């Protein structure tokens, strides 16, 4: 049965296989939280890309900012220990 706290197409077995035995237990939970954040950002990006904004910040600026956030979250998911420690990738 699918855990409602996990993103779509993600199982506990997938998470367990993703992490090395020496990684702390919090790393898996942290990556799941980041995956939820990334999914919310992707949904926001889709909505905002379909809307026309004029003014000091237009669509390009707003969508570009969200793209940067998605990239940052994805990088943190790829190396959660380093990102959690505050090091830049």
PDB file of N, CA and C in Angstrom:
ATOM      1  N   UNK A   1       0.841  -1.185   0.000  1.00  0.00           N
ATOM      2  CA  UNK A   1       0.000   0.000   0.000  1.00  0.00           C
ATOM      3  C   UNK A   1       0.881   1.241   0.000  1.00  0.00           C
ATOM      4  N   UNK A   2       0.472   2.234  -0.762  1.00  0.00           N
ATOM      5  CA  UNK A   2       1.243   3.469  -0.888  1.00  0.00           C
ATOM      6  C   UNK A   2       1.093   4.327   0.365  1.00  0.00           C
ATOM      7  N   UNK A   3       2.210   4.820   0.849  1.00  0.00           N
ATOM      8  CA  UNK A   3       2.213   5.710   2.010  1.00  0.00           C
ATOM      9  C   UNK A   3       1.803   7.110   1.541  1.00  0.00           C
ATOM     10  N   UNK A   4       0.743   7.718   2.085  1.00  0.00           N
ATOM     11  CA  UNK A   4       0.305   9.038   1.631  1.00  0.00           C
ATOM     12  C   UNK A   4       1.314  10.145   1.931  1.00  0.00           C
ATOM     13  N   UNK A   5       2.295   9.886   2.771  1.00  0.00           N
ATOM     14  CA  UNK A   5       3.312  10.894   3.073  1.00  0.00           C
ATOM     15  C   UNK A   5       4.442  10.895   2.059  1.00  0.00           C
ATOM     16  N   UNK A   6       4.450   9.924   1.161  1.00  0.00           N
ATOM     17  CA  UNK A   6       5.499   9.844   0.144  1.00  0.00           C
ATOM     18  C   UNK A   6       4.985  10.399  -1.175  1.00  0.00           C
ATOM     19  N   UNK A   7       5.868  10.975  -1.977  1.00  0.00           N
ATOM     20  CA  UNK A   7       5.443  11.476  -3.288  1.00  0.00           C
ATOM     21  C   UNK A   7       4.973  10.327  -4.186  1.00  0.00           C
ATOM     22  N   UNK A   8       4.250  10.655  -5.238  1.00  0.00           N
ATOM     23  CA  UNK A   8       3.806   9.640  -6.189  1.00  0.00           C
ATOM     24  C   UNK A   8       5.002   8.883  -6.742  1.00  0.00           C
ATOM     25  N   UNK A   9       4.803   7.621  -7.038  1.00  0.00           N
ATOM     26  CA  UNK A   9       5.828   6.739  -7.605  1.00  0.00           C
ATOM     27  C   UNK A   9       7.027   6.563  -6.684  1.00  0.00           C
ATOM     28  N   UNK A  10       6.860   6.762  -5.409  1.00  0.00           N
ATOM     29  CA  UNK A  10       7.941   6.600  -4.442  1.00  0.00           C
ATOM     30  C   UNK A  10       7.468   5.634  -3.362  1.00  0.00           C
ATOM     31  N   UNK A  11       8.297   4.650  -3.079  1.00  0.00           N
ATOM     32  CA  UNK A  11       7.961   3.677  -2.043  1.00  0.00           C
ATOM     33  C   UNK A  11       9.022   3.729  -0.952  1.00  0.00           C
ATOM     34  N   UNK A  12       8.707   3.153   0.175  1.00  0.00           N
ATOM     35  CA  UNK A  12       9.686   3.095   1.253  1.00  0.00           C
ATOM     36  C   UNK A  12      10.909   2.295   0.812  1.00  0.00           C
ATOM     37  N   UNK A  13      10.704   1.244   0.014  1.00  0.00           N
ATOM     38  CA  UNK A  13      11.828   0.441  -0.487  1.00  0.00           C
ATOM     39  C   UNK A  13      12.753   1.295  -1.352  1.00  0.00           C
ATOM     40  N   UNK A  14      12.174   2.192  -2.157  1.00  0.00           N
ATOM     41  CA  UNK A  14      12.981   3.089  -2.987  1.00  0.00           C
ATOM     42  C   UNK A  14      13.828   4.007  -2.109  1.00  0.00           C
ATOM     43  N   UNK A  15      13.219   4.552  -1.068  1.00  0.00           N
ATOM     44  CA  UNK A  15      13.956   5.428  -0.158  1.00  0.00           C
ATOM     45  C   UNK A  15      15.064   4.658   0.548  1.00  0.00           C
ATOM     46  N   UNK A  16      14.747   3.458   1.039  1.00  0.00           N
ATOM     47  CA  UNK A  16      15.753   2.660   1.728  1.00  0.00           C
ATOM     48  C   UNK A  16      16.928   2.342   0.813  1.00  0.00           C
ATOM     49  N   UNK A  17      16.649   2.047  -0.459  1.00  0.00           N
ATOM     50  CA  UNK A  17      17.717   1.726  -1.406  1.00  0.00           C
ATOM     51  C   UNK A  17      18.540   2.956  -1.762  1.00  0.00           C
ATOM     52  N   UNK A  18      17.959   4.126  -1.655  1.00  0.00           N
ATOM     53  CA  UNK A  18      18.633   5.375  -2.030  1.00  0.00           C
ATOM     54  C   UNK A  18      19.746   5.753  -1.051  1.00  0.00           C
ATOM     55  N   UNK A  19      19.622   5.337   0.204  1.00  0.00           N
ATOM     56  CA  UNK A  19      20.542   5.789   1.233  1.00  0.00           C
ATOM     57  C   UNK A  19      21.538   4.721   1.621  1.00  0.00           C
ATOM     58  N   UNK A  20      22.737   5.164   1.862  1.00  0.00           N
ATOM     59  CA  UNK A  20      23.801   4.280   2.332  1.00  0.00           C
ATOM     60  C   UNK A  20      23.549   3.952   3.801  1.00  0.00           C
ATOM     61  N   UNK A  21      24.030   2.786   4.265  1.00  0.00           N
ATOM     62  CA  UNK A  21      23.810   2.410   5.665  1.00  0.00           C
ATOM     63  C   UNK A  21      24.391   3.407   6.673  1.00  0.00           C
ATOM     64  N   UNK A  22      25.456   4.115   6.311  1.00  0.00           N
ATOM     65  CA  UNK A  22      26.052   5.041   7.273  1.00  0.00           C
ATOM     66  C   UNK A  22      25.350   6.407   7.328  1.00  0.00           C
ATOM     67  N   UNK A  23      24.372   6.641   6.466  1.00  0.00           N
ATOM     68  CA  UNK A  23      23.650   7.901   6.517  1.00  0.00           C
ATOM     69  C   UNK A  23      22.667   7.873   7.683  1.00  0.00           C
ATOM     70  N   UNK A  24      22.500   8.984   8.362  1.00  0.00           N
ATOM     71  CA  UNK A  24      21.585   9.026   9.509  1.00  0.00           C
ATOM     72  C   UNK A  24      20.130   8.838   9.076  1.00  0.00           C
ATOM     73  N   UNK A  25      19.311   8.420   9.994  1.00  0.00           N
ATOM     74  CA  UNK A  25      17.903   8.139   9.704  1.00  0.00           C
ATOM     75  C   UNK A  25      17.152   9.394   9.239  1.00  0.00           C
ATOM     76  N   UNK A  26      17.531  10.563   9.706  1.00  0.00           N
ATOM     77  CA  UNK A  26      16.813  11.781   9.336  1.00  0.00           C
ATOM     78  C   UNK A  26      16.962  12.104   7.860  1.00  0.00           C
ATOM     79  N   UNK A  27      18.007  11.594   7.204  1.00  0.00           N
ATOM     80  CA  UNK A  27      18.258  11.943   5.798  1.00  0.00           C
ATOM     81  C   UNK A  27      17.097  11.509   4.907  1.00  0.00           C
ATOM     82  N   UNK A  28      16.546  10.331   5.135  1.00  0.00           N
ATOM     83  CA  UNK A  28      15.421   9.857   4.315  1.00  0.00           C
ATOM     84  C   UNK A  28      14.207  10.756   4.499  1.00  0.00           C
ATOM     85  N   UNK A  29      13.891  11.123   5.729  1.00  0.00           N
ATOM     86  CA  UNK A  29      12.748  12.009   5.983  1.00  0.00           C
ATOM     87  C   UNK A  29      12.976  13.387   5.349  1.00  0.00           C
ATOM     88  N   UNK A  30      14.208  13.861   5.413  1.00  0.00           N
ATOM     89  CA  UNK A  30      14.553  15.164   4.846  1.00  0.00           C
ATOM     90  C   UNK A  30      14.350  15.156   3.328  1.00  0.00           C
ATOM     91  N   UNK A  31      14.770  14.083   2.676  1.00  0.00           N
ATOM     92  CA  UNK A  31      14.608  13.993   1.227  1.00  0.00           C
ATOM     93  C   UNK A  31      13.129  13.909   0.855  1.00  0.00           C
ATOM     94  N   UNK A  32      12.326  13.219   1.638  1.00  0.00           N
ATOM     95  CA  UNK A  32      10.887  13.160   1.374  1.00  0.00           C
ATOM     96  C   UNK A  32      10.276  14.554   1.505  1.00  0.00           C
ATOM     97  N   UNK A  33      10.677  15.306   2.515  1.00  0.00           N
ATOM     98  CA  UNK A  33      10.185  16.683   2.670  1.00  0.00           C
ATOM     99  C   UNK A  33      10.597  17.538   1.473  1.00  0.00           C
ATOM    100  N   UNK A  34      11.832  17.370   1.029  1.00  0.00           N
ATOM    101  CA  UNK A  34      12.296  18.126  -0.140  1.00  0.00           C
ATOM    102  C   UNK A  34      11.519  17.731  -1.390  1.00  0.00           C
ATOM    103  N   UNK A  35      11.194  16.461  -1.528  1.00  0.00           N
ATOM    104  CA  UNK A  35      10.424  16.006  -2.692  1.00  0.00           C
ATOM    105  C   UNK A  35       9.036  16.646  -2.695  1.00  0.00           C
ATOM    106  N   UNK A  36       8.417  16.744  -1.527  1.00  0.00           N
ATOM    107  CA  UNK A  36       7.113  17.416  -1.421  1.00  0.00           C
ATOM    108  C   UNK A  36       7.250  18.884  -1.812  1.00  0.00           C
ATOM    109  N   UNK A  37       8.307  19.532  -1.349  1.00  0.00           N
ATOM    110  CA  UNK A  37       8.520  20.942  -1.687  1.00  0.00           C
ATOM    111  C   UNK A  37       8.731  21.113  -3.188  1.00  0.00           C
ATOM    112  N   UNK A  38       9.541  20.216  -3.784  1.00  0.00           N
ATOM    113  CA  UNK A  38       9.784  20.283  -5.222  1.00  0.00           C
ATOM    114  C   UNK A  38       8.480  20.103  -5.991  1.00  0.00           C
ATOM    115  N   UNK A  39       7.636  19.169  -5.558  1.00  0.00           N
ATOM    116  CA  UNK A  39       6.361  18.940  -6.236  1.00  0.00           C
ATOM    117  C   UNK A  39       5.464  20.180  -6.162  1.00  0.00           C
ATOM    118  N   UNK A  40       5.443  20.847  -5.003  1.00  0.00           N
ATOM    119  CA  UNK A  40       4.655  22.083  -4.869  1.00  0.00           C
ATOM    120  C   UNK A  40       5.204  23.180  -5.776  1.00  0.00           C
ATOM    121  N   UNK A  41       6.530  23.288  -5.860  1.00  0.00           N
ATOM    122  CA  UNK A  41       7.143  24.295  -6.728  1.00  0.00           C
ATOM    123  C   UNK A  41       6.827  24.034  -8.199  1.00  0.00           C
ATOM    124  N   UNK A  42       6.863  22.767  -8.598  1.00  0.00           N
ATOM    125  CA  UNK A  42       6.547  22.420  -9.988  1.00  0.00           C
ATOM    126  C   UNK A  42       5.098  22.794 -10.308  1.00  0.00           C
ATOM    127  N   UNK A  43       4.183  22.539  -9.379  1.00  0.00           N
ATOM    128  CA  UNK A  43       2.777  22.902  -9.586  1.00  0.00           C
ATOM    129  C   UNK A  43       2.611  24.421  -9.668  1.00  0.00           C
ATOM    130  N   UNK A  44       3.299  25.149  -8.794  1.00  0.00           N
ATOM    131  CA  UNK A  44       3.235  26.614  -8.825  1.00  0.00           C
ATOM    132  C   UNK A  44       3.794  27.143 -10.139  1.00  0.00           C
ATOM    133  N   UNK A  45       4.895  26.545 -10.587  1.00  0.00           N
ATOM    134  CA  UNK A  45       5.522  26.987 -11.832  1.00  0.00           C
ATOM    135  C   UNK A  45       4.553  26.823 -12.992  1.00  0.00           C
ATOM    136  N   UNK A  46       3.858  25.683 -13.035  1.00  0.00           N
ATOM    137  CA  UNK A  46       2.902  25.434 -14.120  1.00  0.00           C
ATOM    138  C   UNK A  46       1.780  26.470 -14.114  1.00  0.00           C
ATOM    139  N   UNK A  47       1.261  26.788 -12.939  1.00  0.00           N
ATOM    140  CA  UNK A  47       0.198  27.793 -12.839  1.00  0.00           C
ATOM    141  C   UNK A  47       0.683  29.167 -13.259  1.00  0.00           C
ATOM    142  N   UNK A  48       1.847  29.556 -12.759  1.00  0.00           N
ATOM    143  CA  UNK A  48       2.346  30.901 -13.048  1.00  0.00           C
ATOM    144  C   UNK A  48       2.813  31.046 -14.491  1.00  0.00           C
ATOM    145  N   UNK A  49       3.308  29.977 -15.090  1.00  0.00           N
ATOM    146  CA  UNK A  49       3.735  30.045 -16.486  1.00  0.00           C
ATOM    147  C   UNK A  49       2.541  30.257 -17.414  1.00  0.00           C
ATOM    148  N   UNK A  50       1.363  29.837 -16.983  1.00  0.00           N
ATOM    149  CA  UNK A  50       0.151  29.989 -17.792  1.00  0.00           C
ATOM    150  C   UNK A  50      -0.512  31.352 -17.611  1.00  0.00           C
ATOM    151  N   UNK A  51      -0.006  32.147 -16.688  1.00  0.00           N
ATOM    152  CA  UNK A  51      -0.587  33.461 -16.392  1.00  0.00           C
ATOM    153  C   UNK A  51       0.355  34.543 -16.882  1.00  0.00           C
ATOM    154  N   UNK A  52      -0.190  35.613 -17.408  1.00  0.00           N
ATOM    155  CA  UNK A  52       0.622  36.722 -17.928  1.00  0.00           C
ATOM    156  C   UNK A  52       0.746  37.796 -16.863  1.00  0.00           C
ATOM    157  N   UNK A  53       1.981  38.143 -16.538  1.00  0.00           N
ATOM    158  CA  UNK A  53       2.250  39.208 -15.574  1.00  0.00           C
ATOM    159  C   UNK A  53       2.997  40.330 -16.289  1.00  0.00           C
ATOM    160  N   UNK A  54       2.631  41.550 -15.983  1.00  0.00           N
ATOM    161  CA  UNK A  54       3.342  42.722 -16.480  1.00  0.00           C
ATOM    162  C   UNK A  54       3.741  43.555 -15.280  1.00  0.00           C
ATOM    163  N   UNK A  55       4.813  44.257 -15.416  1.00  0.00           N
ATOM    164  CA  UNK A  55       5.261  45.103 -14.323  1.00  0.00           C
ATOM    165  C   UNK A  55       6.729  44.875 -14.047  1.00  0.00           C
ATOM    166  N   UNK A  56       7.178  45.286 -12.864  1.00  0.00           N
ATOM    167  CA  UNK A  56       8.602  45.152 -12.553  1.00  0.00           C
ATOM    168  C   UNK A  56       9.067  43.696 -12.579  1.00  0.00           C
ATOM    169  N   UNK A  57       8.184  42.777 -12.237  1.00  0.00           N
ATOM    170  CA  UNK A  57       8.502  41.354 -12.310  1.00  0.00           C
ATOM    171  C   UNK A  57       7.523  40.705 -13.268  1.00  0.00           C
ATOM    172  N   UNK A  58       8.018  40.240 -14.398  1.00  0.00           N
ATOM    173  CA  UNK A  58       7.127  39.603 -15.358  1.00  0.00           C
ATOM    174  C   UNK A  58       7.259  38.080 -15.270  1.00  0.00           C
ATOM    175  N   UNK A  59       6.599  37.387 -16.188  1.00  0.00           N
ATOM    176  CA  UNK A  59       6.596  35.924 -16.181  1.00  0.00           C
ATOM    177  C   UNK A  59       8.001  35.339 -16.178  1.00  0.00           C
ATOM    178  N   UNK A  60       8.872  35.910 -16.974  1.00  0.00           N
ATOM    179  CA  UNK A  60      10.228  35.380 -17.078  1.00  0.00           C
ATOM    180  C   UNK A  60      10.934  35.429 -15.733  1.00  0.00           C
ATOM    181  N   UNK A  61      10.800  36.523 -15.020  1.00  0.00           N
ATOM    182  CA  UNK A  61      11.430  36.662 -13.708  1.00  0.00           C
ATOM    183  C   UNK A  61      10.857  35.674 -12.700  1.00  0.00           C
ATOM    184  N   UNK A  62       9.540  35.588 -12.657  1.00  0.00           N
ATOM    185  CA  UNK A  62       8.876  34.747 -11.662  1.00  0.00           C
ATOM    186  C   UNK A  62       9.153  33.268 -11.932  1.00  0.00           C
ATOM    187  N   UNK A  63       8.977  32.837 -13.164  1.00  0.00           N
ATOM    188  CA  UNK A  63       9.221  31.435 -13.520  1.00  0.00           C
ATOM    189  C   UNK A  63      10.702  31.108 -13.362  1.00  0.00           C
ATOM    190  N   UNK A  64      11.564  32.052 -13.696  1.00  0.00           N
ATOM    191  CA  UNK A  64      13.007  31.839 -13.516  1.00  0.00           C
ATOM    192  C   UNK A  64      13.371  31.645 -12.052  1.00  0.00           C
ATOM    193  N   UNK A  65      12.764  32.418 -11.194  1.00  0.00           N
ATOM    194  CA  UNK A  65      12.998  32.267  -9.751  1.00  0.00           C
ATOM    195  C   UNK A  65      12.560  30.881  -9.284  1.00  0.00           C
ATOM    196  N   UNK A  66      11.387  30.447  -9.723  1.00  0.00           N
ATOM    197  CA  UNK A  66      10.895  29.128  -9.319  1.00  0.00           C
ATOM    198  C   UNK A  66      11.796  28.033  -9.890  1.00  0.00           C
ATOM    199  N   UNK A  67      12.265  28.209 -11.122  1.00  0.00           N
ATOM    200  CA  UNK A  67      13.209  27.233 -11.688  1.00  0.00           C
ATOM    201  C   UNK A  67      14.464  27.127 -10.826  1.00  0.00           C
ATOM    202  N   UNK A  68      14.962  28.255 -10.358  1.00  0.00           N
ATOM    203  CA  UNK A  68      16.135  28.255  -9.475  1.00  0.00           C
ATOM    204  C   UNK A  68      15.841  27.513  -8.174  1.00  0.00           C
ATOM    205  N   UNK A  69      14.654  27.742  -7.619  1.00  0.00           N
ATOM    206  CA  UNK A  69      14.269  27.044  -6.385  1.00  0.00           C
ATOM    207  C   UNK A  69      14.169  25.538  -6.604  1.00  0.00           C
ATOM    208  N   UNK A  70      13.597  25.139  -7.736  1.00  0.00           N
ATOM    209  CA  UNK A  70      13.489  23.714  -8.053  1.00  0.00           C
ATOM    210  C   UNK A  70      14.876  23.103  -8.172  1.00  0.00           C
ATOM    211  N   UNK A  71      15.793  23.810  -8.813  1.00  0.00           N
ATOM    212  CA  UNK A  71      17.169  23.326  -8.954  1.00  0.00           C
ATOM    213  C   UNK A  71      17.849  23.204  -7.591  1.00  0.00           C
ATOM    214  N   UNK A  72      17.643  24.165  -6.713  1.00  0.00           N
ATOM    215  CA  UNK A  72      18.228  24.131  -5.375  1.00  0.00           C
ATOM    216  C   UNK A  72      17.699  22.953  -4.575  1.00  0.00           C
ATOM    217  N   UNK A  73      16.388  22.727  -4.633  1.00  0.00           N
ATOM    218  CA  UNK A  73      15.784  21.608  -3.906  1.00  0.00           C
ATOM    219  C   UNK A  73      16.285  20.281  -4.468  1.00  0.00           C
ATOM    220  N   UNK A  74      16.390  20.180  -5.788  1.00  0.00           N
ATOM    221  CA  UNK A  74      16.874  18.945  -6.406  1.00  0.00           C
ATOM    222  C   UNK A  74      18.317  18.661  -6.001  1.00  0.00           C
ATOM    223  N   UNK A  75      19.140  19.708  -5.917  1.00  0.00           N
ATOM    224  CA  UNK A  75      20.527  19.530  -5.483  1.00  0.00           C
ATOM    225  C   UNK A  75      20.591  19.069  -4.031  1.00  0.00           C
ATOM    226  N   UNK A  76      19.720  19.614  -3.205  1.00  0.00           N
ATOM    227  CA  UNK A  76      19.679  19.195  -1.799  1.00  0.00           C
ATOM    228  C   UNK A  76      19.225  17.747  -1.681  1.00  0.00           C
ATOM    229  N   UNK A  77      18.332  17.317  -2.553  1.00  0.00           N
ATOM    230  CA  UNK A  77      17.882  15.926  -2.540  1.00  0.00           C
ATOM    231  C   UNK A  77      19.009  14.986  -2.964  1.00  0.00           C
ATOM    232  N   UNK A  78      19.836  15.423  -3.886  1.00  0.00           N
ATOM    233  CA  UNK A  78      20.919  14.581  -4.387  1.00  0.00           C
ATOM    234  C   UNK A  78      22.011  14.358  -3.338  1.00  0.00           C
ATOM    235  N   UNK A  79      22.226  15.333  -2.463  1.00  0.00           N
ATOM    236  CA  UNK A  79      23.269  15.214  -1.441  1.00  0.00           C
ATOM    237  C   UNK A  79      22.772  15.836  -0.141  1.00  0.00           C
ATOM    238  N   UNK A  80      21.857  15.148   0.551  1.00  0.00           N
ATOM    239  CA  UNK A  80      21.204  15.761   1.714  1.00  0.00           C
ATOM    240  C   UNK A  80      22.145  16.046   2.881  1.00  0.00           C
ATOM    241  N   UNK A  81      23.146  15.233   3.086  1.00  0.00           N
ATOM    242  CA  UNK A  81      24.049  15.465   4.222  1.00  0.00           C
ATOM    243  C   UNK A  81      24.852  16.739   4.035  1.00  0.00           C
ATOM    244  N   UNK A  82      25.361  16.933   2.860  1.00  0.00           N
ATOM    245  CA  UNK A  82      26.164  18.132   2.585  1.00  0.00           C
ATOM    246  C   UNK A  82      25.309  19.388   2.643  1.00  0.00           C
ATOM    247  N   UNK A  83      24.110  19.331   2.045  1.00  0.00           N
ATOM    248  CA  UNK A  83      23.233  20.500   2.034  1.00  0.00           C
ATOM    249  C   UNK A  83      22.732  20.837   3.433  1.00  0.00           C
ATOM    250  N   UNK A  84      22.418  19.822   4.224  1.00  0.00           N
ATOM    251  CA  UNK A  84      21.930  20.062   5.584  1.00  0.00           C
ATOM    252  C   UNK A  84      23.021  20.694   6.433  1.00  0.00           C
ATOM    253  N   UNK A  85      24.277  20.355   6.153  1.00  0.00           N
ATOM    254  CA  UNK A  85      25.379  20.918   6.918  1.00  0.00           C
ATOM    255  C   UNK A  85      25.651  22.375   6.536  1.00  0.00           C
ATOM    256  N   UNK A  86      24.991  22.865   5.491  1.00  0.00           N
ATOM    257  CA  UNK A  86      25.133  24.267   5.118  1.00  0.00           C
ATOM    258  C   UNK A  86      26.186  24.519   4.054  1.00  0.00           C
ATOM    259  N   UNK A  87      26.724  23.483   3.448  1.00  0.00           N
ATOM    260  CA  UNK A  87      27.706  23.671   2.398  1.00  0.00           C
ATOM    261  C   UNK A  87      26.985  23.875   1.082  1.00  0.00           C
ATOM    262  N   UNK A  88      27.553  24.690   0.230  1.00  0.00           N
ATOM    263  CA  UNK A  88      26.937  24.887  -1.075  1.00  0.00           C
ATOM    264  C   UNK A  88      27.424  23.811  -2.029  1.00  0.00           C
ATOM    265  N   UNK A  89      26.570  23.500  -2.985  1.00  0.00           N
ATOM    266  CA  UNK A  89      26.911  22.463  -3.960  1.00  0.00           C
ATOM    267  C   UNK A  89      27.615  23.085  -5.124  1.00  0.00           C
TER     268      UNK A  89
END
